[in-house]
PDB file of N, CA and C in Angstrom:
ATOM      1  N   MET A   1      -7.633  -9.319  11.174  1.00  0.00           N
ATOM      2  CA  MET A   1      -7.251  -7.926  11.026  1.00  0.00           C
ATOM      3  C   MET A   1      -6.247  -7.791   9.885  1.00  0.00           C
ATOM      4  N   ILE A   2      -6.376  -6.715   9.143  1.00  0.00           N
ATOM      5  CA  ILE A   2      -5.408  -6.378   8.101  1.00  0.00           C
ATOM      6  C   ILE A   2      -4.303  -5.550   8.754  1.00  0.00           C
ATOM      7  N   VAL A   3      -3.075  -5.936   8.509  1.00  0.00           N
ATOM      8  CA  VAL A   3      -1.926  -5.184   9.017  1.00  0.00           C
ATOM      9  C   VAL A   3      -1.173  -4.624   7.818  1.00  0.00           C
ATOM     10  N   VAL A   4      -1.030  -3.303   7.805  1.00  0.00           N
ATOM     11  CA  VAL A   4      -0.309  -2.604   6.741  1.00  0.00           C
ATOM     12  C   VAL A   4       0.979  -2.081   7.354  1.00  0.00           C
ATOM     13  N   ARG A   5       2.097  -2.424   6.731  1.00  0.00           N
ATOM     14  CA  ARG A   5       3.392  -1.896   7.171  1.00  0.00           C
ATOM     15  C   ARG A   5       3.983  -1.088   6.018  1.00  0.00           C
ATOM     16  N   ILE A   6       4.288   0.168   6.313  1.00  0.00           N
ATOM     17  CA  ILE A   6       4.921   1.067   5.358  1.00  0.00           C
ATOM     18  C   ILE A   6       6.353   1.251   5.828  1.00  0.00           C
ATOM     19  N   PHE A   7       7.304   0.863   4.997  1.00  0.00           N
ATOM     20  CA  PHE A   7       8.721   0.967   5.347  1.00  0.00           C
ATOM     21  C   PHE A   7       9.306   2.198   4.678  1.00  0.00           C
ATOM     22  N   ARG A   8       9.875   3.086   5.504  1.00  0.00           N
ATOM     23  CA  ARG A   8      10.448   4.343   5.013  1.00  0.00           C
ATOM     24  C   ARG A   8      11.946   4.373   5.288  1.00  0.00           C
ATOM     25  N   ASN A   9      12.684   5.031   4.392  1.00  0.00           N
ATOM     26  CA  ASN A   9      14.106   5.217   4.657  1.00  0.00           C
ATOM     27  C   ASN A   9      14.279   6.425   5.581  1.00  0.00           C
ATOM     28  N   HIS A  10      15.518   6.747   5.905  1.00  0.00           N
ATOM     29  CA  HIS A  10      15.755   7.846   6.849  1.00  0.00           C
ATOM     30  C   HIS A  10      15.371   9.211   6.293  1.00  0.00           C
ATOM     31  N   SER A  11      15.193   9.296   4.983  1.00  0.00           N
ATOM     32  CA  SER A  11      14.703  10.535   4.366  1.00  0.00           C
ATOM     33  C   SER A  11      13.181  10.580   4.332  1.00  0.00           C
ATOM     34  N   ARG A  12      12.534   9.566   4.923  1.00  0.00           N
ATOM     35  CA  ARG A  12      11.080   9.428   5.021  1.00  0.00           C
ATOM     36  C   ARG A  12      10.430   9.046   3.691  1.00  0.00           C
ATOM     37  N   LEU A  13      11.228   8.649   2.703  1.00  0.00           N
ATOM     38  CA  LEU A  13      10.665   8.170   1.446  1.00  0.00           C
ATOM     39  C   LEU A  13      10.222   6.721   1.634  1.00  0.00           C
ATOM     40  N   ILE A  14       9.140   6.351   0.984  1.00  0.00           N
ATOM     41  CA  ILE A  14       8.630   4.985   1.097  1.00  0.00           C
ATOM     42  C   ILE A  14       9.523   4.060   0.282  1.00  0.00           C
ATOM     43  N   HIS A  15      10.044   3.057   0.951  1.00  0.00           N
ATOM     44  CA  HIS A  15      10.940   2.076   0.339  1.00  0.00           C
ATOM     45  C   HIS A  15      10.177   0.825  -0.082  1.00  0.00           C
ATOM     46  N   SER A  16       9.202   0.423   0.753  1.00  0.00           N
ATOM     47  CA  SER A  16       8.428  -0.776   0.472  1.00  0.00           C
ATOM     48  C   SER A  16       7.184  -0.789   1.350  1.00  0.00           C
ATOM     49  N   PHE A  17       6.313  -1.753   1.078  1.00  0.00           N
ATOM     50  CA  PHE A  17       5.122  -1.915   1.909  1.00  0.00           C
ATOM     51  C   PHE A  17       4.724  -3.382   1.910  1.00  0.00           C
ATOM     52  N   LYS A  18       4.041  -3.774   2.983  1.00  0.00           N
ATOM     53  CA  LYS A  18       3.503  -5.133   3.106  1.00  0.00           C
ATOM     54  C   LYS A  18       2.113  -5.031   3.708  1.00  0.00           C
ATOM     55  N   ILE A  19       1.180  -5.725   3.116  1.00  0.00           N
ATOM     56  CA  ILE A  19      -0.192  -5.785   3.614  1.00  0.00           C
ATOM     57  C   ILE A  19      -0.532  -7.253   3.770  1.00  0.00           C
ATOM     58  N   LYS A  20      -0.996  -7.633   4.954  1.00  0.00           N
ATOM     59  CA  LYS A  20      -1.365  -9.038   5.139  1.00  0.00           C
ATOM     60  C   LYS A  20      -2.564  -9.147   6.070  1.00  0.00           C
ATOM     61  N   GLY A  21      -3.262 -10.241   5.922  1.00  0.00           N
ATOM     62  CA  GLY A  21      -4.395 -10.535   6.779  1.00  0.00           C
ATOM     63  C   GLY A  21      -5.722 -10.293   6.095  1.00  0.00           C
ATOM     64  N   HIS A  22      -6.761 -10.570   6.845  1.00  0.00           N
ATOM     65  CA  HIS A  22      -8.139 -10.361   6.393  1.00  0.00           C
ATOM     66  C   HIS A  22      -8.868  -9.553   7.459  1.00  0.00           C
ATOM     67  N   ALA A  23      -9.733  -8.670   7.045  1.00  0.00           N
ATOM     68  CA  ALA A  23     -10.452  -7.818   7.990  1.00  0.00           C
ATOM     69  C   ALA A  23     -11.460  -8.609   8.815  1.00  0.00           C
ATOM     70  N   ASN A  24     -12.115  -9.570   8.194  1.00  0.00           N
ATOM     71  CA  ASN A  24     -13.203 -10.312   8.846  1.00  0.00           C
ATOM     72  C   ASN A  24     -14.332  -9.380   9.292  1.00  0.00           C
ATOM     73  N   TYR A  25     -14.540  -8.329   8.518  1.00  0.00           N
ATOM     74  CA  TYR A  25     -15.643  -7.412   8.770  1.00  0.00           C
ATOM     75  C   TYR A  25     -16.963  -8.063   8.381  1.00  0.00           C
ATOM     76  N   ALA A  26     -16.922  -8.838   7.302  1.00  0.00           N
ATOM     77  CA  ALA A  26     -18.102  -9.550   6.797  1.00  0.00           C
ATOM     78  C   ALA A  26     -17.601 -10.817   6.118  1.00  0.00           C
ATOM     79  N   LYS A  27     -18.542 -11.640   5.687  1.00  0.00           N
ATOM     80  CA  LYS A  27     -18.126 -12.885   5.038  1.00  0.00           C
ATOM     81  C   LYS A  27     -17.456 -12.586   3.700  1.00  0.00           C
ATOM     82  N   ALA A  28     -16.663 -13.559   3.239  1.00  0.00           N
ATOM     83  CA  ALA A  28     -15.931 -13.406   1.986  1.00  0.00           C
ATOM     84  C   ALA A  28     -16.873 -13.003   0.859  1.00  0.00           C
ATOM     85  N   GLY A  29     -16.426 -12.041   0.076  1.00  0.00           N
ATOM     86  CA  GLY A  29     -17.236 -11.548  -1.034  1.00  0.00           C
ATOM     87  C   GLY A  29     -18.108 -10.365  -0.658  1.00  0.00           C
ATOM     88  N   GLU A  30     -18.255 -10.104   0.639  1.00  0.00           N
ATOM     89  CA  GLU A  30     -19.072  -8.981   1.109  1.00  0.00           C
ATOM     90  C   GLU A  30     -18.305  -8.058   2.050  1.00  0.00           C
ATOM     91  N   ASP A  31     -17.011  -8.310   2.209  1.00  0.00           N
ATOM     92  CA  ASP A  31     -16.190  -7.567   3.170  1.00  0.00           C
ATOM     93  C   ASP A  31     -15.705  -6.267   2.531  1.00  0.00           C
ATOM     94  N   ILE A  32     -16.354  -5.163   2.889  1.00  0.00           N
ATOM     95  CA  ILE A  32     -16.019  -3.874   2.286  1.00  0.00           C
ATOM     96  C   ILE A  32     -14.655  -3.359   2.728  1.00  0.00           C
ATOM     97  N   VAL A  33     -14.187  -3.761   3.893  1.00  0.00           N
ATOM     98  CA  VAL A  33     -12.868  -3.314   4.353  1.00  0.00           C
ATOM     99  C   VAL A  33     -11.788  -3.977   3.495  1.00  0.00           C
ATOM    100  N   CYS A  34     -11.875  -5.294   3.319  1.00  0.00           N
ATOM    101  CA  CYS A  34     -10.919  -5.998   2.455  1.00  0.00           C
ATOM    102  C   CYS A  34     -10.983  -5.456   1.026  1.00  0.00           C
ATOM    103  N   ALA A  35     -12.169  -5.243   0.539  1.00  0.00           N
ATOM    104  CA  ALA A  35     -12.332  -4.737  -0.828  1.00  0.00           C
ATOM    105  C   ALA A  35     -11.710  -3.350  -0.969  1.00  0.00           C
ATOM    106  N   GLY A  36     -11.918  -2.496   0.022  1.00  0.00           N
ATOM    107  CA  GLY A  36     -11.353  -1.147  -0.027  1.00  0.00           C
ATOM    108  C   GLY A  36      -9.837  -1.165  -0.003  1.00  0.00           C
ATOM    109  N   VAL A  37      -9.268  -1.965   0.892  1.00  0.00           N
ATOM    110  CA  VAL A  37      -7.808  -2.056   0.993  1.00  0.00           C
ATOM    111  C   VAL A  37      -7.233  -2.632  -0.299  1.00  0.00           C
ATOM    112  N   SER A  38      -7.871  -3.652  -0.843  1.00  0.00           N
ATOM    113  CA  SER A  38      -7.402  -4.246  -2.097  1.00  0.00           C
ATOM    114  C   SER A  38      -7.462  -3.239  -3.243  1.00  0.00           C
ATOM    115  N   ALA A  39      -8.560  -2.523  -3.350  1.00  0.00           N
ATOM    116  CA  ALA A  39      -8.714  -1.547  -4.426  1.00  0.00           C
ATOM    117  C   ALA A  39      -7.652  -0.454  -4.334  1.00  0.00           C
ATOM    118  N   VAL A  40      -7.416   0.035  -3.133  1.00  0.00           N
ATOM    119  CA  VAL A  40      -6.429   1.110  -2.937  1.00  0.00           C
ATOM    120  C   VAL A  40      -5.018   0.624  -3.256  1.00  0.00           C
ATOM    121  N   THR A  41      -4.640  -0.529  -2.730  1.00  0.00           N
ATOM    122  CA  THR A  41      -3.257  -0.982  -2.887  1.00  0.00           C
ATOM    123  C   THR A  41      -2.959  -1.482  -4.303  1.00  0.00           C
ATOM    124  N   VAL A  42      -3.828  -2.322  -4.834  1.00  0.00           N
ATOM    125  CA  VAL A  42      -3.607  -2.819  -6.193  1.00  0.00           C
ATOM    126  C   VAL A  42      -3.738  -1.663  -7.190  1.00  0.00           C
ATOM    127  N   GLY A  43      -4.680  -0.765  -6.960  1.00  0.00           N
ATOM    128  CA  GLY A  43      -4.829   0.400  -7.822  1.00  0.00           C
ATOM    129  C   GLY A  43      -3.598   1.287  -7.810  1.00  0.00           C
ATOM    130  N   THR A  44      -2.970   1.428  -6.649  1.00  0.00           N
ATOM    131  CA  THR A  44      -1.747   2.226  -6.565  1.00  0.00           C
ATOM    132  C   THR A  44      -0.618   1.578  -7.346  1.00  0.00           C
ATOM    133  N   VAL A  45      -0.433   0.278  -7.171  1.00  0.00           N
ATOM    134  CA  VAL A  45       0.615  -0.434  -7.921  1.00  0.00           C
ATOM    135  C   VAL A  45       0.366  -0.287  -9.426  1.00  0.00           C
ATOM    136  N   ASN A  46      -0.867  -0.488  -9.853  1.00  0.00           N
ATOM    137  CA  ASN A  46      -1.203  -0.354 -11.279  1.00  0.00           C
ATOM    138  C   ASN A  46      -0.976   1.070 -11.776  1.00  0.00           C
ATOM    139  N   SER A  47      -1.312   2.057 -10.953  1.00  0.00           N
ATOM    140  CA  SER A  47      -1.116   3.461 -11.337  1.00  0.00           C
ATOM    141  C   SER A  47       0.363   3.793 -11.493  1.00  0.00           C
ATOM    142  N   ILE A  48       1.173   3.312 -10.560  1.00  0.00           N
ATOM    143  CA  ILE A  48       2.627   3.559 -10.657  1.00  0.00           C
ATOM    144  C   ILE A  48       3.158   2.983 -11.963  1.00  0.00           C
ATOM    145  N   GLU A  49       2.765   1.762 -12.252  1.00  0.00           N
ATOM    146  CA  GLU A  49       3.275   1.118 -13.462  1.00  0.00           C
ATOM    147  C   GLU A  49       2.761   1.793 -14.729  1.00  0.00           C
ATOM    148  N   ALA A  50       1.510   2.208 -14.741  1.00  0.00           N
ATOM    149  CA  ALA A  50       0.928   2.838 -15.935  1.00  0.00           C
ATOM    150  C   ALA A  50       1.424   4.268 -16.148  1.00  0.00           C
ATOM    151  N   LEU A  51       1.588   5.024 -15.070  1.00  0.00           N
ATOM    152  CA  LEU A  51       1.911   6.445 -15.199  1.00  0.00           C
ATOM    153  C   LEU A  51       3.404   6.745 -15.215  1.00  0.00           C
ATOM    154  N   THR A  52       4.221   5.826 -14.693  1.00  0.00           N
ATOM    155  CA  THR A  52       5.660   6.088 -14.624  1.00  0.00           C
ATOM    156  C   THR A  52       6.492   5.066 -15.391  1.00  0.00           C
ATOM    157  N   GLU A  53       5.854   3.997 -15.854  1.00  0.00           N
ATOM    158  CA  GLU A  53       6.529   2.899 -16.529  1.00  0.00           C
ATOM    159  C   GLU A  53       7.579   2.227 -15.635  1.00  0.00           C
ATOM    160  N   ILE A  54       7.422   2.366 -14.323  1.00  0.00           N
ATOM    161  CA  ILE A  54       8.275   1.695 -13.336  1.00  0.00           C
ATOM    162  C   ILE A  54       7.544   0.442 -12.885  1.00  0.00           C
ATOM    163  N   THR A  55       8.243  -0.677 -12.887  1.00  0.00           N
ATOM    164  CA  THR A  55       7.655  -1.920 -12.419  1.00  0.00           C
ATOM    165  C   THR A  55       8.137  -2.194 -11.006  1.00  0.00           C
ATOM    166  N   LEU A  56       7.195  -2.297 -10.082  1.00  0.00           N
ATOM    167  CA  LEU A  56       7.538  -2.610  -8.706  1.00  0.00           C
ATOM    168  C   LEU A  56       7.786  -4.103  -8.568  1.00  0.00           C
ATOM    169  N   ASP A  57       8.632  -4.454  -7.623  1.00  0.00           N
ATOM    170  CA  ASP A  57       8.835  -5.865  -7.285  1.00  0.00           C
ATOM    171  C   ASP A  57       7.711  -6.235  -6.328  1.00  0.00           C
ATOM    172  N   CYS A  58       6.667  -6.863  -6.854  1.00  0.00           N
ATOM    173  CA  CYS A  58       5.473  -7.160  -6.059  1.00  0.00           C
ATOM    174  C   CYS A  58       5.254  -8.656  -5.924  1.00  0.00           C
ATOM    175  N   GLU A  59       4.638  -8.998  -4.810  1.00  0.00           N
ATOM    176  CA  GLU A  59       4.205 -10.368  -4.560  1.00  0.00           C
ATOM    177  C   GLU A  59       2.783 -10.286  -4.044  1.00  0.00           C
ATOM    178  N   MET A  60       1.895 -11.105  -4.614  1.00  0.00           N
ATOM    179  CA  MET A  60       0.507 -11.063  -4.178  1.00  0.00           C
ATOM    180  C   MET A  60      -0.056 -12.474  -4.171  1.00  0.00           C
ATOM    181  N   HIS A  61      -0.674 -12.818  -3.060  1.00  0.00           N
ATOM    182  CA  HIS A  61      -1.435 -14.058  -2.964  1.00  0.00           C
ATOM    183  C   HIS A  61      -2.459 -13.876  -1.865  1.00  0.00           C
ATOM    184  N   ASN A  62      -3.233 -14.858  -1.587  1.00  0.00           N
ATOM    185  CA  ASN A  62      -4.376 -14.754  -0.682  1.00  0.00           C
ATOM    186  C   ASN A  62      -4.042 -14.025   0.625  1.00  0.00           C
ATOM    187  N   GLY A  63      -4.549 -12.816   0.765  1.00  0.00           N
ATOM    188  CA  GLY A  63      -4.372 -12.067   2.012  1.00  0.00           C
ATOM    189  C   GLY A  63      -3.002 -11.458   2.190  1.00  0.00           C
ATOM    190  N   PHE A  64      -2.210 -11.335   1.107  1.00  0.00           N
ATOM    191  CA  PHE A  64      -0.866 -10.788   1.228  1.00  0.00           C
ATOM    192  C   PHE A  64      -0.507 -10.025  -0.035  1.00  0.00           C
ATOM    193  N   LEU A  65       0.036  -8.812   0.152  1.00  0.00           N
ATOM    194  CA  LEU A  65       0.572  -8.024  -0.952  1.00  0.00           C
ATOM    195  C   LEU A  65       1.795  -7.301  -0.435  1.00  0.00           C
ATOM    196  N   SER A  66       2.883  -7.396  -1.172  1.00  0.00           N
ATOM    197  CA  SER A  66       4.071  -6.617  -0.819  1.00  0.00           C
ATOM    198  C   SER A  66       4.593  -5.946  -2.071  1.00  0.00           C
ATOM    199  N   GLY A  67       5.245  -4.827  -1.877  1.00  0.00           N
ATOM    200  CA  GLY A  67       5.843  -4.106  -2.989  1.00  0.00           C
ATOM    201  C   GLY A  67       7.132  -3.450  -2.559  1.00  0.00           C
ATOM    202  N   ILE A  68       8.145  -3.574  -3.389  1.00  0.00           N
ATOM    203  CA  ILE A  68       9.433  -2.927  -3.139  1.00  0.00           C
ATOM    204  C   ILE A  68       9.662  -1.935  -4.266  1.00  0.00           C
ATOM    205  N   ILE A  69       9.988  -0.708  -3.891  1.00  0.00           N
ATOM    206  CA  ILE A  69      10.199   0.345  -4.864  1.00  0.00           C
ATOM    207  C   ILE A  69      11.652   0.269  -5.326  1.00  0.00           C
ATOM    208  N   PRO A  70      11.898   0.190  -6.620  1.00  0.00           N
ATOM    209  CA  PRO A  70      13.290   0.114  -7.093  1.00  0.00           C
ATOM    210  C   PRO A  70      14.011   1.443  -6.882  1.00  0.00           C
ATOM    211  N   LEU A  71      15.316   1.375  -6.858  1.00  0.00           N
ATOM    212  CA  LEU A  71      16.130   2.585  -6.771  1.00  0.00           C
ATOM    213  C   LEU A  71      15.945   3.362  -8.069  1.00  0.00           C
ATOM    214  N   LEU A  72      15.527   4.614  -7.950  1.00  0.00           N
ATOM    215  CA  LEU A  72      15.229   5.427  -9.129  1.00  0.00           C
ATOM    216  C   LEU A  72      16.260   6.540  -9.271  1.00  0.00           C
ATOM    217  N   GLU A  73      16.845   6.629 -10.438  1.00  0.00           N
ATOM    218  CA  GLU A  73      17.855   7.648 -10.714  1.00  0.00           C
ATOM    219  C   GLU A  73      17.216   8.993 -11.051  1.00  0.00           C
ATOM    220  N   ASP A  74      16.084   8.936 -11.751  1.00  0.00           N
ATOM    221  CA  ASP A  74      15.418  10.147 -12.213  1.00  0.00           C
ATOM    222  C   ASP A  74      14.584  10.756 -11.079  1.00  0.00           C
ATOM    223  N   GLU A  75      14.933  11.967 -10.691  1.00  0.00           N
ATOM    224  CA  GLU A  75      14.258  12.641  -9.582  1.00  0.00           C
ATOM    225  C   GLU A  75      12.779  12.881  -9.854  1.00  0.00           C
ATOM    226  N   SER A  76      12.446  13.222 -11.080  1.00  0.00           N
ATOM    227  CA  SER A  76      11.051  13.482 -11.439  1.00  0.00           C
ATOM    228  C   SER A  76      10.212  12.210 -11.308  1.00  0.00           C
ATOM    229  N   THR A  77      10.733  11.091 -11.778  1.00  0.00           N
ATOM    230  CA  THR A  77      10.014   9.821 -11.669  1.00  0.00           C
ATOM    231  C   THR A  77       9.881   9.411 -10.213  1.00  0.00           C
ATOM    232  N   GLU A  78      10.946   9.564  -9.442  1.00  0.00           N
ATOM    233  CA  GLU A  78      10.885   9.217  -8.018  1.00  0.00           C
ATOM    234  C   GLU A  78       9.830  10.058  -7.309  1.00  0.00           C
ATOM    235  N   SER A  79       9.745  11.324  -7.651  1.00  0.00           N
ATOM    236  CA  SER A  79       8.751  12.212  -7.054  1.00  0.00           C
ATOM    237  C   SER A  79       7.333  11.743  -7.370  1.00  0.00           C
ATOM    238  N   LYS A  80       7.092  11.334  -8.603  1.00  0.00           N
ATOM    239  CA  LYS A  80       5.770  10.839  -8.997  1.00  0.00           C
ATOM    240  C   LYS A  80       5.418   9.552  -8.255  1.00  0.00           C
ATOM    241  N   VAL A  81       6.386   8.630  -8.172  1.00  0.00           N
ATOM    242  CA  VAL A  81       6.150   7.364  -7.476  1.00  0.00           C
ATOM    243  C   VAL A  81       5.839   7.622  -6.010  1.00  0.00           C
ATOM    244  N   GLN A  82       6.608   8.491  -5.381  1.00  0.00           N
ATOM    245  CA  GLN A  82       6.384   8.797  -3.967  1.00  0.00           C
ATOM    246  C   GLN A  82       5.028   9.467  -3.746  1.00  0.00           C
ATOM    247  N   LEU A  83       4.616  10.340  -4.665  1.00  0.00           N
ATOM    248  CA  LEU A  83       3.311  10.985  -4.546  1.00  0.00           C
ATOM    249  C   LEU A  83       2.190   9.946  -4.581  1.00  0.00           C
ATOM    250  N   LEU A  84       2.292   8.996  -5.502  1.00  0.00           N
ATOM    251  CA  LEU A  84       1.274   7.949  -5.587  1.00  0.00           C
ATOM    252  C   LEU A  84       1.280   7.073  -4.332  1.00  0.00           C
ATOM    253  N   LEU A  85       2.462   6.754  -3.812  1.00  0.00           N
ATOM    254  CA  LEU A  85       2.541   5.944  -2.593  1.00  0.00           C
ATOM    255  C   LEU A  85       1.999   6.698  -1.379  1.00  0.00           C
ATOM    256  N   GLU A  86       2.305   7.983  -1.283  1.00  0.00           N
ATOM    257  CA  GLU A  86       1.775   8.783  -0.171  1.00  0.00           C
ATOM    258  C   GLU A  86       0.252   8.873  -0.262  1.00  0.00           C
ATOM    259  N   SER A  87      -0.267   8.957  -1.465  1.00  0.00           N
ATOM    260  CA  SER A  87      -1.712   8.955  -1.667  1.00  0.00           C
ATOM    261  C   SER A  87      -2.304   7.639  -1.166  1.00  0.00           C
ATOM    262  N   MET A  88      -1.634   6.522  -1.449  1.00  0.00           N
ATOM    263  CA  MET A  88      -2.090   5.221  -0.958  1.00  0.00           C
ATOM    264  C   MET A  88      -2.162   5.221   0.570  1.00  0.00           C
ATOM    265  N   VAL A  89      -1.133   5.763   1.210  1.00  0.00           N
ATOM    266  CA  VAL A  89      -1.112   5.804   2.676  1.00  0.00           C
ATOM    267  C   VAL A  89      -2.274   6.639   3.207  1.00  0.00           C
ATOM    268  N   ILE A  90      -2.548   7.767   2.585  1.00  0.00           N
ATOM    269  CA  ILE A  90      -3.669   8.617   3.010  1.00  0.00           C
ATOM    270  C   ILE A  90      -4.989   7.874   2.868  1.00  0.00           C
ATOM    271  N   MET A  91      -5.182   7.165   1.746  1.00  0.00           N
ATOM    272  CA  MET A  91      -6.429   6.415   1.545  1.00  0.00           C
ATOM    273  C   MET A  91      -6.563   5.279   2.560  1.00  0.00           C
ATOM    274  N   LEU A  92      -5.465   4.588   2.841  1.00  0.00           N
ATOM    275  CA  LEU A  92      -5.518   3.521   3.844  1.00  0.00           C
ATOM    276  C   LEU A  92      -5.814   4.080   5.233  1.00  0.00           C
ATOM    277  N   ASN A  93      -5.225   5.231   5.556  1.00  0.00           N
ATOM    278  CA  ASN A  93      -5.529   5.866   6.841  1.00  0.00           C
ATOM    279  C   ASN A  93      -6.993   6.287   6.927  1.00  0.00           C
ATOM    280  N   SER A  94      -7.558   6.700   5.810  1.00  0.00           N
ATOM    281  CA  SER A  94      -8.986   7.056   5.795  1.00  0.00           C
ATOM    282  C   SER A  94      -9.846   5.832   6.088  1.00  0.00           C
ATOM    283  N   ILE A  95      -9.474   4.688   5.531  1.00  0.00           N
ATOM    284  CA  ILE A  95     -10.200   3.445   5.836  1.00  0.00           C
ATOM    285  C   ILE A  95     -10.052   3.109   7.309  1.00  0.00           C
ATOM    286  N   ALA A  96      -8.836   3.266   7.843  1.00  0.00           N
ATOM    287  CA  ALA A  96      -8.585   2.958   9.250  1.00  0.00           C
ATOM    288  C   ALA A  96      -9.360   3.880  10.187  1.00  0.00           C
ATOM    289  N   GLU A  97      -9.590   5.122   9.786  1.00  0.00           N
ATOM    290  CA  GLU A  97     -10.367   6.042  10.618  1.00  0.00           C
ATOM    291  C   GLU A  97     -11.797   5.540  10.812  1.00  0.00           C
ATOM    292  N   SER A  98     -12.340   4.896   9.807  1.00  0.00           N
ATOM    293  CA  SER A  98     -13.711   4.404   9.898  1.00  0.00           C
ATOM    294  C   SER A  98     -13.802   2.960  10.386  1.00  0.00           C
ATOM    295  N   TYR A  99     -12.781   2.171  10.117  1.00  0.00           N
ATOM    296  CA  TYR A  99     -12.836   0.729  10.420  1.00  0.00           C
ATOM    297  C   TYR A  99     -11.584   0.289  11.176  1.00  0.00           C
ATOM    298  N   GLY A 100     -11.170   1.086  12.153  1.00  0.00           N
ATOM    299  CA  GLY A 100      -9.923   0.875  12.873  1.00  0.00           C
ATOM    300  C   GLY A 100      -9.770  -0.453  13.578  1.00  0.00           C
ATOM    301  N   GLU A 101     -10.858  -1.090  13.944  1.00  0.00           N
ATOM    302  CA  GLU A 101     -10.724  -2.376  14.617  1.00  0.00           C
ATOM    303  C   GLU A 101     -10.437  -3.505  13.633  1.00  0.00           C
ATOM    304  N   TYR A 102     -10.473  -3.212  12.327  1.00  0.00           N
ATOM    305  CA  TYR A 102     -10.255  -4.223  11.295  1.00  0.00           C
ATOM    306  C   TYR A 102      -8.959  -4.012  10.512  1.00  0.00           C
ATOM    307  N   ILE A 103      -8.308  -2.875  10.719  1.00  0.00           N
ATOM    308  CA  ILE A 103      -7.082  -2.557   9.981  1.00  0.00           C
ATOM    309  C   ILE A 103      -6.144  -1.759  10.888  1.00  0.00           C
ATOM    310  N   ARG A 104      -4.865  -2.141  10.842  1.00  0.00           N
ATOM    311  CA  ARG A 104      -3.840  -1.421  11.610  1.00  0.00           C
ATOM    312  C   ARG A 104      -2.740  -1.018  10.631  1.00  0.00           C
ATOM    313  N   ILE A 105      -2.313   0.232  10.726  1.00  0.00           N
ATOM    314  CA  ILE A 105      -1.270   0.752   9.848  1.00  0.00           C
ATOM    315  C   ILE A 105      -0.064   1.097  10.699  1.00  0.00           C
ATOM    316  N   GLU A 106       1.079   0.554  10.303  1.00  0.00           N
ATOM    317  CA  GLU A 106       2.330   0.798  11.021  1.00  0.00           C
ATOM    318  C   GLU A 106       3.341   1.387  10.045  1.00  0.00           C
ATOM    319  N   GLU A 107       4.096   2.373  10.510  1.00  0.00           N
ATOM    320  CA  GLU A 107       5.180   2.910   9.701  1.00  0.00           C
ATOM    321  C   GLU A 107       6.493   2.558  10.385  1.00  0.00           C
ATOM    322  N   VAL A 108       7.440   2.046   9.605  1.00  0.00           N
ATOM    323  CA  VAL A 108       8.713   1.568  10.117  1.00  0.00           C
ATOM    324  C   VAL A 108       9.833   2.298   9.394  1.00  0.00           C
ATOM    325  N   ILE A 109      10.777   2.848  10.152  1.00  0.00           N
ATOM    326  CA  ILE A 109      11.966   3.486   9.563  1.00  0.00           C
ATOM    327  C   ILE A 109      13.041   2.401   9.437  1.00  0.00           C
ATOM    328  N   ILE A 110      13.562   2.255   8.214  1.00  0.00           N
ATOM    329  CA  ILE A 110      14.593   1.226   8.003  1.00  0.00           C
ATOM    330  C   ILE A 110      15.959   1.871   7.759  1.00  0.00           C
TER     331      ILE A 110
END
């Protein structure tokens, strides 16, 4: 199972995220759940970096991706980053609606 943890501060802004595990929906190379989660999460990180010039503190290796959002002084940039992250959460929830036994999404207030 893929476990997605979204860490939010007390203002409900996304501070970081961690994704780990494998869906085991199908064999490696044919697992549409893993492929969907990978496309959404890596695409979001790439979009943040390309559209805002903000580099996230990310770690990625087999079955694991984490990202920490840096403290942003510029309100406009922070708003853009948060919009992209919220979009990621919506897309992951859409995957979970269809493949809920293979992916679990948890939100944690830190």
